Amino acid sequence: MSLTRRIDQARDAYRKQDRRASAAAHDPRRIARAADEEHGGAGDQYLGDLVYGGLDGVVTTFAVVSGVAGAALGSEVILILGLANLLADGFSMASGAYLSTKSEHEYYQREALRERWEIENFPEGERAELLELYQKRGYTREDAEALVEIQSRDPERWVKAMMVDELGMLPVERKPLTSAGATLAAFVLAGALPLLVYVVGLFRPIPDQTAFLSSVGLAALALFGLGAAKVFVTERNPIRSGLEMLAVGGLAAVVAYGVGAFLKGIAR
């Protein structure tokens, strides 16, 4: 059993107040086995990119579909604006994910270099800082000194201790390109669902009202499904999460449709 899976079981046992399941999740033998297995903390973060990228894709694309449908501009306009929005916003979100993750990496590395330099040049001062931090957390001076002595034996471990205990920073496991790719793929694939019926309409004529209602159904399914999938990130009730996302996406669509209907005369 991976460490991630064991943690998930422990969380589930806590929510249910199941002492037996909690005890099983905290079995020392299971913990030892989990520590030896490869686990995917970064994979969980990529899951967040996939879920939220997909949600943004569905909401923004369907808002375009609703706005154009409200203005009664026709299926061709919906398809043109929908695809343009899908690709442009998808690349924009992917670029944002790449730059954000890259900036986090660079900031962490810069602070780690600073801490390493300070340890090399002012070791006693760094020990004093760490000692003060441990004492503020409630350790006795004797225990705090023992912890400082242990952490400062190895320079790299010492740097990591300063990063976590002094700066509250953990290393960023996500890779910028992978994060951007996951966001782009989820945005485009999920965001394309409300446009599917209009693509089909290029080869087989579909009445505008039928196409719009079909798009509503596809968008609703995507919103509910992705909202429910958020539980892998947020640990919430899947039905409630799905319904909440459906409500938010539906509200965005209603607003867009209303704006399009209100300004319908301008396009004529």
C-alpha atoms as a PDB file:
ATOM      1  CA  MET A   1       0.000   0.000   0.000  1.00  0.00           C
ATOM      2  CA  SER A   2       1.394   3.405  -0.985  1.00  0.00           C
ATOM      3  CA  LEU A   3       1.818   6.180   1.567  1.00  0.00           C
ATOM      4  CA  THR A   4      -0.810   8.268  -0.231  1.00  0.00           C
ATOM      5  CA  ARG A   5      -3.327   5.434  -0.034  1.00  0.00           C
ATOM      6  CA  ARG A   6      -2.614   4.880   3.670  1.00  0.00           C
ATOM      7  CA  ILE A   7      -3.159   8.583   4.380  1.00  0.00           C
ATOM      8  CA  ASP A   8      -6.442   8.503   2.445  1.00  0.00           C
ATOM      9  CA  GLN A   9      -7.582   5.549   4.567  1.00  0.00           C
ATOM     10  CA  ALA A  10      -6.630   7.379   7.756  1.00  0.00           C
ATOM     11  CA  ARG A  11      -8.624  10.441   6.658  1.00  0.00           C
ATOM     12  CA  ASP A  12     -11.637   8.316   5.782  1.00  0.00           C
ATOM     13  CA  ALA A  13     -11.463   6.519   9.136  1.00  0.00           C
ATOM     14  CA  TYR A  14     -11.308   9.859  10.963  1.00  0.00           C
ATOM     15  CA  ARG A  15     -14.339  11.227   9.100  1.00  0.00           C
ATOM     16  CA  LYS A  16     -16.311   8.100  10.009  1.00  0.00           C
ATOM     17  CA  GLN A  17     -14.845   7.992  13.543  1.00  0.00           C
ATOM     18  CA  ASP A  18     -13.944   4.362  12.822  1.00  0.00           C
ATOM     19  CA  ARG A  19     -11.351   3.481  15.461  1.00  0.00           C
ATOM     20  CA  ARG A  20     -10.679   0.016  14.015  1.00  0.00           C
ATOM     21  CA  ALA A  21      -9.976   1.367  10.523  1.00  0.00           C
ATOM     22  CA  SER A  22      -7.867   4.145  12.019  1.00  0.00           C
ATOM     23  CA  ALA A  23      -5.824   1.630  13.994  1.00  0.00           C
ATOM     24  CA  ALA A  24      -5.274  -0.427  10.824  1.00  0.00           C
ATOM     25  CA  ALA A  25      -4.110   2.668   8.949  1.00  0.00           C
ATOM     26  CA  HIS A  26      -1.618   3.395  11.742  1.00  0.00           C
ATOM     27  CA  ASP A  27      -0.228  -0.131  11.938  1.00  0.00           C
ATOM     28  CA  PRO A  28       3.585   0.333  12.167  1.00  0.00           C
ATOM     29  CA  ARG A  29       4.139  -2.480   9.655  1.00  0.00           C
ATOM     30  CA  ARG A  30       1.906  -0.766   7.098  1.00  0.00           C
ATOM     31  CA  ILE A  31       3.645   2.533   7.686  1.00  0.00           C
ATOM     32  CA  ALA A  32       7.045   0.926   7.154  1.00  0.00           C
ATOM     33  CA  ARG A  33       5.896  -0.727   3.916  1.00  0.00           C
ATOM     34  CA  ALA A  34       4.365   2.525   2.682  1.00  0.00           C
ATOM     35  CA  ALA A  35       7.586   4.412   3.335  1.00  0.00           C
ATOM     36  CA  ASP A  36       9.462   1.927   1.152  1.00  0.00           C
ATOM     37  CA  GLU A  37       7.041   2.284  -1.756  1.00  0.00           C
ATOM     38  CA  GLU A  38       7.126   5.036  -4.296  1.00  0.00           C
ATOM     39  CA  HIS A  39       4.305   7.463  -3.677  1.00  0.00           C
ATOM     40  CA  GLY A  40       2.948  10.353  -5.719  1.00  0.00           C
ATOM     41  CA  GLY A  41       2.519  13.530  -3.729  1.00  0.00           C
ATOM     42  CA  ALA A  42       3.220  15.502  -6.899  1.00  0.00           C
ATOM     43  CA  GLY A  43       0.703  13.353  -8.731  1.00  0.00           C
ATOM     44  CA  ASP A  44      -1.982  14.613  -6.367  1.00  0.00           C
ATOM     45  CA  GLN A  45      -1.014  18.163  -7.287  1.00  0.00           C
ATOM     46  CA  TYR A  46      -1.252  17.355 -10.999  1.00  0.00           C
ATOM     47  CA  LEU A  47      -4.698  15.974 -10.257  1.00  0.00           C
ATOM     48  CA  GLY A  48      -5.587  19.444  -9.039  1.00  0.00           C
ATOM     49  CA  ASP A  49      -4.341  20.913 -12.327  1.00  0.00           C
ATOM     50  CA  LEU A  50      -6.499  18.435 -14.239  1.00  0.00           C
ATOM     51  CA  VAL A  51      -9.660  19.019 -12.216  1.00  0.00           C
ATOM     52  CA  TYR A  52      -9.495  22.809 -12.017  1.00  0.00           C
ATOM     53  CA  GLY A  53      -8.258  23.153 -15.594  1.00  0.00           C
ATOM     54  CA  GLY A  54     -11.205  21.059 -16.779  1.00  0.00           C
ATOM     55  CA  LEU A  55     -13.683  23.056 -14.713  1.00  0.00           C
ATOM     56  CA  ASP A  56     -12.405  26.354 -16.082  1.00  0.00           C
ATOM     57  CA  GLY A  57     -12.567  24.956 -19.601  1.00  0.00           C
ATOM     58  CA  VAL A  58     -16.216  23.897 -19.303  1.00  0.00           C
ATOM     59  CA  VAL A  59     -17.367  27.084 -17.563  1.00  0.00           C
ATOM     60  CA  THR A  60     -15.656  29.562 -19.906  1.00  0.00           C
ATOM     61  CA  THR A  61     -16.529  27.714 -23.114  1.00  0.00           C
ATOM     62  CA  PHE A  62     -20.155  27.176 -22.164  1.00  0.00           C
ATOM     63  CA  ALA A  63     -20.410  30.837 -21.148  1.00  0.00           C
ATOM     64  CA  VAL A  64     -19.415  31.722 -24.720  1.00  0.00           C
ATOM     65  CA  VAL A  65     -21.958  29.247 -26.115  1.00  0.00           C
ATOM     66  CA  SER A  66     -24.687  30.687 -23.880  1.00  0.00           C
ATOM     67  CA  GLY A  67     -23.879  34.288 -24.717  1.00  0.00           C
ATOM     68  CA  VAL A  68     -23.919  33.709 -28.465  1.00  0.00           C
ATOM     69  CA  ALA A  69     -27.059  31.553 -28.219  1.00  0.00           C
ATOM     70  CA  GLY A  70     -28.751  34.317 -26.208  1.00  0.00           C
ATOM     71  CA  ALA A  71     -27.927  36.768 -28.975  1.00  0.00           C
ATOM     72  CA  ALA A  72     -29.335  34.281 -31.548  1.00  0.00           C
ATOM     73  CA  LEU A  73     -26.258  34.617 -33.769  1.00  0.00           C
ATOM     74  CA  GLY A  74     -26.334  31.057 -35.074  1.00  0.00           C
ATOM     75  CA  SER A  75     -24.363  27.846 -34.694  1.00  0.00           C
ATOM     76  CA  GLU A  76     -21.510  28.968 -36.946  1.00  0.00           C
ATOM     77  CA  VAL A  77     -20.709  31.935 -34.714  1.00  0.00           C
ATOM     78  CA  ILE A  78     -20.932  29.746 -31.614  1.00  0.00           C
ATOM     79  CA  LEU A  79     -18.435  27.307 -33.100  1.00  0.00           C
ATOM     80  CA  ILE A  80     -16.006  30.014 -34.224  1.00  0.00           C
ATOM     81  CA  LEU A  81     -16.033  31.951 -30.957  1.00  0.00           C
ATOM     82  CA  GLY A  82     -16.138  28.783 -28.867  1.00  0.00           C
ATOM     83  CA  LEU A  83     -13.094  27.231 -30.520  1.00  0.00           C
ATOM     84  CA  ALA A  84     -11.181  30.524 -30.452  1.00  0.00           C
ATOM     85  CA  ASN A  85     -11.926  30.924 -26.747  1.00  0.00           C
ATOM     86  CA  LEU A  86     -11.114  27.272 -26.046  1.00  0.00           C
ATOM     87  CA  LEU A  87      -7.649  27.397 -27.590  1.00  0.00           C
ATOM     88  CA  ALA A  88      -6.721  30.936 -26.533  1.00  0.00           C
ATOM     89  CA  ASP A  89      -7.845  30.543 -22.916  1.00  0.00           C
ATOM     90  CA  GLY A  90      -6.377  27.039 -22.760  1.00  0.00           C
ATOM     91  CA  PHE A  91      -2.925  28.271 -23.743  1.00  0.00           C
ATOM     92  CA  SER A  92      -3.321  31.261 -21.423  1.00  0.00           C
ATOM     93  CA  MET A  93      -4.108  29.016 -18.460  1.00  0.00           C
ATOM     94  CA  ALA A  94      -1.292  26.625 -19.342  1.00  0.00           C
ATOM     95  CA  SER A  95       1.150  29.541 -19.539  1.00  0.00           C
ATOM     96  CA  GLY A  96      -0.055  30.766 -16.167  1.00  0.00           C
ATOM     97  CA  ALA A  97       0.390  27.306 -14.625  1.00  0.00           C
ATOM     98  CA  TYR A  98       3.902  27.025 -16.107  1.00  0.00           C
ATOM     99  CA  LEU A  99       5.031  30.466 -14.947  1.00  0.00           C
ATOM    100  CA  SER A 100       3.469  30.050 -11.508  1.00  0.00           C
ATOM    101  CA  THR A 101       5.119  26.685 -10.868  1.00  0.00           C
ATOM    102  CA  LYS A 102       8.436  27.882 -12.296  1.00  0.00           C
ATOM    103  CA  SER A 103       8.339  30.940 -10.032  1.00  0.00           C
ATOM    104  CA  GLU A 104       7.686  28.736  -7.002  1.00  0.00           C
ATOM    105  CA  HIS A 105      10.702  26.586  -7.910  1.00  0.00           C
ATOM    106  CA  GLU A 106      12.932  29.627  -8.405  1.00  0.00           C
ATOM    107  CA  TYR A 107      11.828  31.264  -5.167  1.00  0.00           C
ATOM    108  CA  TYR A 108      12.437  28.087  -3.184  1.00  0.00           C
ATOM    109  CA  GLN A 109      15.887  27.618  -4.724  1.00  0.00           C
ATOM    110  CA  ARG A 110      16.821  31.252  -4.075  1.00  0.00           C
ATOM    111  CA  GLU A 111      15.837  31.022  -0.416  1.00  0.00           C
ATOM    112  CA  ALA A 112      17.610  27.662  -0.059  1.00  0.00           C
ATOM    113  CA  LEU A 113      20.825  29.195  -1.473  1.00  0.00           C
ATOM    114  CA  ARG A 114      20.547  32.029   1.035  1.00  0.00           C
ATOM    115  CA  GLU A 115      20.033  29.645   3.949  1.00  0.00           C
ATOM    116  CA  ARG A 116      22.971  27.520   2.778  1.00  0.00           C
ATOM    117  CA  TRP A 117      25.219  30.609   2.614  1.00  0.00           C
ATOM    118  CA  GLU A 118      24.123  31.723   6.085  1.00  0.00           C
ATOM    119  CA  ILE A 119      24.803  28.255   7.529  1.00  0.00           C
ATOM    120  CA  GLU A 120      28.271  28.254   5.986  1.00  0.00           C
ATOM    121  CA  ASN A 121      29.131  31.754   7.178  1.00  0.00           C
ATOM    122  CA  PHE A 122      27.104  32.221  10.366  1.00  0.00           C
ATOM    123  CA  PRO A 123      26.487  28.732  11.782  1.00  0.00           C
ATOM    124  CA  GLU A 124      26.103  29.867  15.390  1.00  0.00           C
ATOM    125  CA  GLY A 125      23.497  32.434  14.426  1.00  0.00           C
ATOM    126  CA  GLU A 126      21.543  29.836  12.474  1.00  0.00           C
ATOM    127  CA  ARG A 127      21.687  27.434  15.416  1.00  0.00           C
ATOM    128  CA  ALA A 128      20.376  30.193  17.673  1.00  0.00           C
ATOM    129  CA  GLU A 129      17.494  30.869  15.262  1.00  0.00           C
ATOM    130  CA  LEU A 130      16.542  27.199  15.147  1.00  0.00           C
ATOM    131  CA  LEU A 131      16.815  26.902  18.926  1.00  0.00           C
ATOM    132  CA  GLU A 132      14.477  29.870  19.381  1.00  0.00           C
ATOM    133  CA  LEU A 133      11.954  28.431  16.924  1.00  0.00           C
ATOM    134  CA  TYR A 134      11.839  25.078  18.709  1.00  0.00           C
ATOM    135  CA  GLN A 135      11.436  26.718  22.098  1.00  0.00           C
ATOM    136  CA  LYS A 136       8.536  28.812  20.794  1.00  0.00           C
ATOM    137  CA  ARG A 137       6.857  25.568  19.769  1.00  0.00           C
ATOM    138  CA  GLY A 138       6.900  24.402  23.380  1.00  0.00           C
ATOM    139  CA  TYR A 139      10.075  22.304  23.520  1.00  0.00           C
ATOM    140  CA  THR A 140      12.181  22.633  26.641  1.00  0.00           C
ATOM    141  CA  ARG A 141      15.574  24.222  26.127  1.00  0.00           C
ATOM    142  CA  GLU A 142      17.227  20.849  26.620  1.00  0.00           C
ATOM    143  CA  ASP A 143      15.050  19.147  23.994  1.00  0.00           C
ATOM    144  CA  ALA A 144      15.389  22.108  21.633  1.00  0.00           C
ATOM    145  CA  GLU A 145      19.183  21.975  21.892  1.00  0.00           C
ATOM    146  CA  ALA A 146      19.109  18.236  21.164  1.00  0.00           C
ATOM    147  CA  LEU A 147      16.972  18.817  18.057  1.00  0.00           C
ATOM    148  CA  VAL A 148      19.274  21.586  16.847  1.00  0.00           C
ATOM    149  CA  GLU A 149      22.298  19.340  17.339  1.00  0.00           C
ATOM    150  CA  ILE A 150      20.652  16.578  15.307  1.00  0.00           C
ATOM    151  CA  GLN A 151      19.560  18.875  12.478  1.00  0.00           C
ATOM    152  CA  SER A 152      22.900  20.647  12.210  1.00  0.00           C
ATOM    153  CA  ARG A 153      24.945  17.450  11.838  1.00  0.00           C
ATOM    154  CA  ASP A 154      24.261  17.342   8.098  1.00  0.00           C
ATOM    155  CA  PRO A 155      24.382  20.619   6.088  1.00  0.00           C
ATOM    156  CA  GLU A 156      21.643  19.605   3.629  1.00  0.00           C
ATOM    157  CA  ARG A 157      19.327  18.455   6.394  1.00  0.00           C
ATOM    158  CA  TRP A 158      20.095  21.687   8.207  1.00  0.00           C
ATOM    159  CA  VAL A 159      19.115  23.737   5.156  1.00  0.00           C
ATOM    160  CA  LYS A 160      15.831  21.823   4.835  1.00  0.00           C
ATOM    161  CA  ALA A 161      15.137  22.358   8.529  1.00  0.00           C
ATOM    162  CA  MET A 162      15.648  26.109   8.147  1.00  0.00           C
ATOM    163  CA  MET A 163      13.418  26.184   5.067  1.00  0.00           C
ATOM    164  CA  VAL A 164      10.581  24.402   6.849  1.00  0.00           C
ATOM    165  CA  ASP A 165      10.905  25.643  10.410  1.00  0.00           C
ATOM    166  CA  GLU A 166      11.995  29.238   9.776  1.00  0.00           C
ATOM    167  CA  LEU A 167      10.381  30.032   6.417  1.00  0.00           C
ATOM    168  CA  GLY A 168       7.537  27.508   6.344  1.00  0.00           C
ATOM    169  CA  MET A 169       8.526  26.420   2.832  1.00  0.00           C
ATOM    170  CA  LEU A 170       8.398  22.918   1.371  1.00  0.00           C
ATOM    171  CA  PRO A 171      10.084  21.943  -1.910  1.00  0.00           C
ATOM    172  CA  VAL A 172       7.808  22.195  -4.949  1.00  0.00           C
ATOM    173  CA  GLU A 173       7.405  18.714  -6.434  1.00  0.00           C
ATOM    174  CA  ARG A 174       5.461  19.715  -9.529  1.00  0.00           C
ATOM    175  CA  LYS A 175       7.335  20.203 -12.802  1.00  0.00           C
ATOM    176  CA  PRO A 176       6.365  23.405 -14.654  1.00  0.00           C
ATOM    177  CA  LEU A 177       5.968  21.759 -18.067  1.00  0.00           C
ATOM    178  CA  THR A 178       3.959  18.849 -16.687  1.00  0.00           C
ATOM    179  CA  SER A 179       1.702  21.215 -14.764  1.00  0.00           C
ATOM    180  CA  ALA A 180       1.147  23.318 -17.879  1.00  0.00           C
ATOM    181  CA  GLY A 181       0.482  20.238 -20.005  1.00  0.00           C
ATOM    182  CA  ALA A 182      -2.030  18.829 -17.523  1.00  0.00           C
ATOM    183  CA  THR A 183      -3.858  22.159 -17.322  1.00  0.00           C
ATOM    184  CA  LEU A 184      -3.975  22.592 -21.107  1.00  0.00           C
ATOM    185  CA  ALA A 185      -5.126  19.029 -21.792  1.00  0.00           C
ATOM    186  CA  ALA A 186      -7.887  19.184 -19.171  1.00  0.00           C
ATOM    187  CA  PHE A 187      -9.037  22.640 -20.275  1.00  0.00           C
ATOM    188  CA  VAL A 188      -9.267  21.706 -23.958  1.00  0.00           C
ATOM    189  CA  LEU A 189     -10.786  18.247 -23.511  1.00  0.00           C
ATOM    190  CA  ALA A 190     -13.420  19.289 -20.980  1.00  0.00           C
ATOM    191  CA  GLY A 191     -14.061  22.648 -22.619  1.00  0.00           C
ATOM    192  CA  ALA A 192     -14.676  20.976 -25.981  1.00  0.00           C
ATOM    193  CA  LEU A 193     -17.712  19.069 -24.652  1.00  0.00           C
ATOM    194  CA  PRO A 194     -20.222  21.960 -24.978  1.00  0.00           C
ATOM    195  CA  LEU A 195     -19.027  22.434 -28.581  1.00  0.00           C
ATOM    196  CA  LEU A 196     -19.319  18.787 -29.650  1.00  0.00           C
ATOM    197  CA  VAL A 197     -22.882  19.075 -30.902  1.00  0.00           C
ATOM    198  CA  TYR A 198     -21.945  22.121 -33.002  1.00  0.00           C
ATOM    199  CA  VAL A 199     -19.061  20.217 -34.570  1.00  0.00           C
ATOM    200  CA  VAL A 200     -21.492  17.423 -35.441  1.00  0.00           C
ATOM    201  CA  GLY A 201     -23.754  20.090 -36.914  1.00  0.00           C
ATOM    202  CA  LEU A 202     -21.123  20.807 -39.559  1.00  0.00           C
ATOM    203  CA  PHE A 203     -21.816  17.388 -41.090  1.00  0.00           C
ATOM    204  CA  ARG A 204     -25.433  16.857 -40.090  1.00  0.00           C
ATOM    205  CA  PRO A 205     -27.781  19.854 -39.714  1.00  0.00           C
ATOM    206  CA  ILE A 206     -29.158  20.234 -36.181  1.00  0.00           C
ATOM    207  CA  PRO A 207     -31.768  22.856 -35.203  1.00  0.00           C
ATOM    208  CA  ASP A 208     -30.277  25.676 -33.136  1.00  0.00           C
ATOM    209  CA  GLN A 209     -32.536  25.013 -30.146  1.00  0.00           C
ATOM    210  CA  THR A 210     -31.770  21.293 -30.168  1.00  0.00           C
ATOM    211  CA  ALA A 211     -28.040  21.989 -30.448  1.00  0.00           C
ATOM    212  CA  PHE A 212     -28.141  24.438 -27.548  1.00  0.00           C
ATOM    213  CA  LEU A 213     -30.110  22.078 -25.302  1.00  0.00           C
ATOM    214  CA  SER A 214     -27.688  19.257 -26.134  1.00  0.00           C
ATOM    215  CA  SER A 215     -24.788  21.562 -25.280  1.00  0.00           C
ATOM    216  CA  VAL A 216     -26.494  22.401 -21.976  1.00  0.00           C
ATOM    217  CA  GLY A 217     -26.758  18.700 -21.162  1.00  0.00           C
ATOM    218  CA  LEU A 218     -23.118  17.961 -22.015  1.00  0.00           C
ATOM    219  CA  ALA A 219     -21.896  20.965 -20.040  1.00  0.00           C
ATOM    220  CA  ALA A 220     -24.042  19.987 -17.052  1.00  0.00           C
ATOM    221  CA  LEU A 221     -22.664  16.442 -17.054  1.00  0.00           C
ATOM    222  CA  ALA A 222     -19.098  17.744 -17.320  1.00  0.00           C
ATOM    223  CA  LEU A 223     -19.603  20.301 -14.546  1.00  0.00           C
ATOM    224  CA  PHE A 224     -21.161  17.785 -12.180  1.00  0.00           C
ATOM    225  CA  GLY A 225     -18.541  15.126 -12.965  1.00  0.00           C
ATOM    226  CA  LEU A 226     -15.584  17.456 -12.508  1.00  0.00           C
ATOM    227  CA  GLY A 227     -17.145  19.006  -9.425  1.00  0.00           C
ATOM    228  CA  ALA A 228     -17.527  15.533  -7.945  1.00  0.00           C
ATOM    229  CA  ALA A 229     -13.930  14.743  -8.950  1.00  0.00           C
ATOM    230  CA  LYS A 230     -12.763  17.680  -6.820  1.00  0.00           C
ATOM    231  CA  VAL A 231     -13.161  15.440  -3.780  1.00  0.00           C
ATOM    232  CA  PHE A 232      -9.817  13.864  -4.676  1.00  0.00           C
ATOM    233  CA  VAL A 233      -8.317  17.289  -3.937  1.00  0.00           C
ATOM    234  CA  THR A 234     -10.701  18.793  -1.369  1.00  0.00           C
ATOM    235  CA  GLU A 235     -11.841  15.606   0.480  1.00  0.00           C
ATOM    236  CA  ARG A 236     -15.478  16.777   0.389  1.00  0.00           C
ATOM    237  CA  ASN A 237     -18.771  15.022  -0.343  1.00  0.00           C
ATOM    238  CA  PRO A 238     -18.799  14.242  -4.107  1.00  0.00           C
ATOM    239  CA  ILE A 239     -22.542  14.811  -4.636  1.00  0.00           C
ATOM    240  CA  ARG A 240     -22.498  18.160  -2.864  1.00  0.00           C
ATOM    241  CA  SER A 241     -19.318  19.219  -4.632  1.00  0.00           C
ATOM    242  CA  GLY A 242     -20.779  18.244  -8.010  1.00  0.00           C
ATOM    243  CA  LEU A 243     -24.026  20.112  -7.382  1.00  0.00           C
ATOM    244  CA  GLU A 244     -22.173  23.216  -6.203  1.00  0.00           C
ATOM    245  CA  MET A 245     -20.062  23.301  -9.356  1.00  0.00           C
ATOM    246  CA  LEU A 246     -23.158  22.701 -11.483  1.00  0.00           C
ATOM    247  CA  ALA A 247     -24.839  25.673  -9.786  1.00  0.00           C
ATOM    248  CA  VAL A 248     -21.819  27.943 -10.298  1.00  0.00           C
ATOM    249  CA  GLY A 249     -21.425  26.949 -13.938  1.00  0.00           C
ATOM    250  CA  GLY A 250     -25.165  27.273 -14.500  1.00  0.00           C
ATOM    251  CA  LEU A 251     -25.163  30.769 -13.011  1.00  0.00           C
ATOM    252  CA  ALA A 252     -22.303  31.802 -15.299  1.00  0.00           C
ATOM    253  CA  ALA A 253     -24.221  30.431 -18.289  1.00  0.00           C
ATOM    254  CA  VAL A 254     -27.432  32.246 -17.272  1.00  0.00           C
ATOM    255  CA  VAL A 255     -25.562  35.545 -16.920  1.00  0.00           C
ATOM    256  CA  ALA A 256     -23.856  35.073 -20.305  1.00  0.00           C
ATOM    257  CA  TYR A 257     -27.141  34.108 -21.961  1.00  0.00           C
ATOM    258  CA  GLY A 258     -28.857  37.147 -20.430  1.00  0.00           C
ATOM    259  CA  VAL A 259     -26.144  39.516 -21.644  1.00  0.00           C
ATOM    260  CA  GLY A 260     -26.346  38.032 -25.138  1.00  0.00           C
ATOM    261  CA  ALA A 261     -30.133  38.337 -25.204  1.00  0.00           C
ATOM    262  CA  PHE A 262     -30.002  41.907 -23.885  1.00  0.00           C
ATOM    263  CA  LEU A 263     -27.486  42.996 -26.538  1.00  0.00           C
ATOM    264  CA  LYS A 264     -29.012  40.925 -29.338  1.00  0.00           C
ATOM    265  CA  GLY A 265     -30.052  43.966 -31.309  1.00  0.00           C
ATOM    266  CA  ILE A 266     -26.508  45.307 -31.571  1.00  0.00           C
ATOM    267  CA  ALA A 267     -25.378  42.364 -33.713  1.00  0.00           C
ATOM    268  CA  ARG A 268     -28.202  42.845 -36.220  1.00  0.00           C
END
